[in-house]
Amino acid sequence: MRSAGAPEEFELAVELSSQAADLPLERIRSFIDETVAAVDQLPARLAAPENEREPIELRLTLTLEADNELMGAAVDELRRVLGQEPDR
């Protein structure tokens, strides 16, 4: 969205809307980092004799969420530019 051409009066609404992807991207990056760290440990854990190692269990969970406050601000700004009353 940041590279989309928009009239000047919509710039803030576009910027706020484009920030909506920031939180989910943070979560995805963290998930990838945690997954890589867990998988990196597997060779060493598997190298131990089976009768001496703990069971290997990986639980990988990715939870995505939106920043509702940010989205509300984007909608309110868009409504303001369009001459409408804010929703909240």
C-alpha atoms as a PDB file:
ATOM      1  CA  MET A   1       0.000   0.000   0.000  1.00  0.00           C
ATOM      2  CA  ARG A   2       2.846   2.366   0.746  1.00  0.00           C
ATOM      3  CA  SER A   3       3.829   2.460  -2.903  1.00  0.00           C
ATOM      4  CA  ALA A   4       0.270   3.030  -4.132  1.00  0.00           C
ATOM      5  CA  GLY A   5      -0.412   6.474  -5.471  1.00  0.00           C
ATOM      6  CA  ALA A   6      -3.137   8.184  -3.462  1.00  0.00           C
ATOM      7  CA  PRO A   7      -4.385  11.756  -3.283  1.00  0.00           C
ATOM      8  CA  GLU A   8      -2.691  13.800  -0.573  1.00  0.00           C
ATOM      9  CA  GLU A   9      -5.783  13.890   1.636  1.00  0.00           C
ATOM     10  CA  PHE A  10      -5.703  10.074   1.830  1.00  0.00           C
ATOM     11  CA  GLU A  11      -2.007   9.796   2.751  1.00  0.00           C
ATOM     12  CA  LEU A  12      -2.563   9.297   6.487  1.00  0.00           C
ATOM     13  CA  ALA A  13      -5.330   6.739   5.933  1.00  0.00           C
ATOM     14  CA  VAL A  14      -3.103   4.812   3.515  1.00  0.00           C
ATOM     15  CA  GLU A  15      -0.140   4.956   5.913  1.00  0.00           C
ATOM     16  CA  LEU A  16      -2.235   3.734   8.850  1.00  0.00           C
ATOM     17  CA  SER A  17      -3.704   0.946   6.717  1.00  0.00           C
ATOM     18  CA  SER A  18      -0.275  -0.133   5.524  1.00  0.00           C
ATOM     19  CA  GLN A  19       0.885  -0.451   9.147  1.00  0.00           C
ATOM     20  CA  ALA A  20      -1.773  -3.132   9.653  1.00  0.00           C
ATOM     21  CA  ALA A  21       0.649  -5.688   8.227  1.00  0.00           C
ATOM     22  CA  ASP A  22       3.386  -4.852  10.748  1.00  0.00           C
ATOM     23  CA  LEU A  23       2.069  -6.919  13.682  1.00  0.00           C
ATOM     24  CA  PRO A  24       1.328 -10.081  11.658  1.00  0.00           C
ATOM     25  CA  LEU A  25       4.758  -9.804  10.003  1.00  0.00           C
ATOM     26  CA  GLU A  26       6.409  -9.530  13.432  1.00  0.00           C
ATOM     27  CA  ARG A  27       4.575 -12.680  14.524  1.00  0.00           C
ATOM     28  CA  ILE A  28       5.618 -14.539  11.365  1.00  0.00           C
ATOM     29  CA  ARG A  29       9.264 -13.524  11.788  1.00  0.00           C
ATOM     30  CA  SER A  30       9.248 -14.651  15.428  1.00  0.00           C
ATOM     31  CA  PHE A  31       7.638 -17.955  14.450  1.00  0.00           C
ATOM     32  CA  ILE A  32      10.309 -18.542  11.809  1.00  0.00           C
ATOM     33  CA  ASP A  33      13.104 -17.687  14.260  1.00  0.00           C
ATOM     34  CA  GLU A  34      11.676 -20.053  16.895  1.00  0.00           C
ATOM     35  CA  THR A  35      11.181 -22.819  14.319  1.00  0.00           C
ATOM     36  CA  VAL A  36      14.731 -22.486  13.003  1.00  0.00           C
ATOM     37  CA  ALA A  37      16.112 -22.575  16.558  1.00  0.00           C
ATOM     38  CA  ALA A  38      14.103 -25.713  17.380  1.00  0.00           C
ATOM     39  CA  VAL A  39      15.077 -27.496  14.154  1.00  0.00           C
ATOM     40  CA  ASP A  40      18.749 -26.526  14.598  1.00  0.00           C
ATOM     41  CA  GLN A  41      18.789 -28.505  17.852  1.00  0.00           C
ATOM     42  CA  LEU A  42      17.474 -31.697  16.256  1.00  0.00           C
ATOM     43  CA  PRO A  43      20.767 -33.140  14.907  1.00  0.00           C
ATOM     44  CA  ALA A  44      22.449 -32.961  18.322  1.00  0.00           C
ATOM     45  CA  ARG A  45      19.409 -34.430  20.049  1.00  0.00           C
ATOM     46  CA  LEU A  46      19.131 -37.215  17.488  1.00  0.00           C
ATOM     47  CA  ALA A  47      22.845 -38.019  17.795  1.00  0.00           C
ATOM     48  CA  ALA A  48      22.370 -39.179  21.378  1.00  0.00           C
ATOM     49  CA  PRO A  49      21.670 -42.888  21.781  1.00  0.00           C
ATOM     50  CA  GLU A  50      17.945 -43.507  21.654  1.00  0.00           C
ATOM     51  CA  ASN A  51      17.841 -45.164  25.071  1.00  0.00           C
ATOM     52  CA  GLU A  52      19.544 -42.120  26.645  1.00  0.00           C
ATOM     53  CA  ARG A  53      17.563 -39.254  25.121  1.00  0.00           C
ATOM     54  CA  GLU A  54      14.313 -37.699  26.078  1.00  0.00           C
ATOM     55  CA  PRO A  55      11.463 -38.013  23.577  1.00  0.00           C
ATOM     56  CA  ILE A  56      11.621 -35.290  20.961  1.00  0.00           C
ATOM     57  CA  GLU A  57       8.478 -33.258  20.605  1.00  0.00           C
ATOM     58  CA  LEU A  58       8.095 -30.086  18.604  1.00  0.00           C
ATOM     59  CA  ARG A  59       5.071 -27.866  19.005  1.00  0.00           C
ATOM     60  CA  LEU A  60       5.094 -25.014  16.542  1.00  0.00           C
ATOM     61  CA  THR A  61       2.246 -22.540  16.779  1.00  0.00           C
ATOM     62  CA  LEU A  62       1.728 -19.444  14.702  1.00  0.00           C
ATOM     63  CA  THR A  63      -0.924 -17.044  15.941  1.00  0.00           C
ATOM     64  CA  LEU A  64      -1.723 -14.043  13.784  1.00  0.00           C
ATOM     65  CA  GLU A  65      -3.663 -11.104  15.061  1.00  0.00           C
ATOM     66  CA  ALA A  66      -4.578  -7.650  13.869  1.00  0.00           C
ATOM     67  CA  ASP A  67      -3.980  -4.407  15.710  1.00  0.00           C
ATOM     68  CA  ASN A  68      -7.617  -3.422  16.186  1.00  0.00           C
ATOM     69  CA  GLU A  69      -6.743   0.031  17.520  1.00  0.00           C
ATOM     70  CA  LEU A  70      -4.638   0.775  14.441  1.00  0.00           C
ATOM     71  CA  MET A  71      -7.334  -0.501  12.102  1.00  0.00           C
ATOM     72  CA  GLY A  72      -9.927   1.632  13.896  1.00  0.00           C
ATOM     73  CA  ALA A  73      -7.717   4.693  13.496  1.00  0.00           C
ATOM     74  CA  ALA A  74      -7.313   3.958   9.768  1.00  0.00           C
ATOM     75  CA  VAL A  75     -11.076   3.620   9.307  1.00  0.00           C
ATOM     76  CA  ASP A  76     -11.730   6.781  11.318  1.00  0.00           C
ATOM     77  CA  GLU A  77      -9.200   8.700   9.205  1.00  0.00           C
ATOM     78  CA  LEU A  78     -10.769   7.426   5.995  1.00  0.00           C
ATOM     79  CA  ARG A  79     -14.204   8.442   7.252  1.00  0.00           C
ATOM     80  CA  ARG A  80     -12.853  11.894   8.186  1.00  0.00           C
ATOM     81  CA  VAL A  81     -11.415  12.399   4.702  1.00  0.00           C
ATOM     82  CA  LEU A  82     -14.709  11.288   3.166  1.00  0.00           C
ATOM     83  CA  GLY A  83     -16.654  13.698   5.412  1.00  0.00           C
ATOM     84  CA  GLN A  84     -18.308  10.944   7.448  1.00  0.00           C
ATOM     85  CA  GLU A  85     -18.638  10.603  11.201  1.00  0.00           C
ATOM     86  CA  PRO A  86     -16.071   8.368  12.917  1.00  0.00           C
ATOM     87  CA  ASP A  87     -17.401   4.944  13.866  1.00  0.00           C
ATOM     88  CA  ARG A  88     -16.342   5.334  17.476  1.00  0.00           C
END
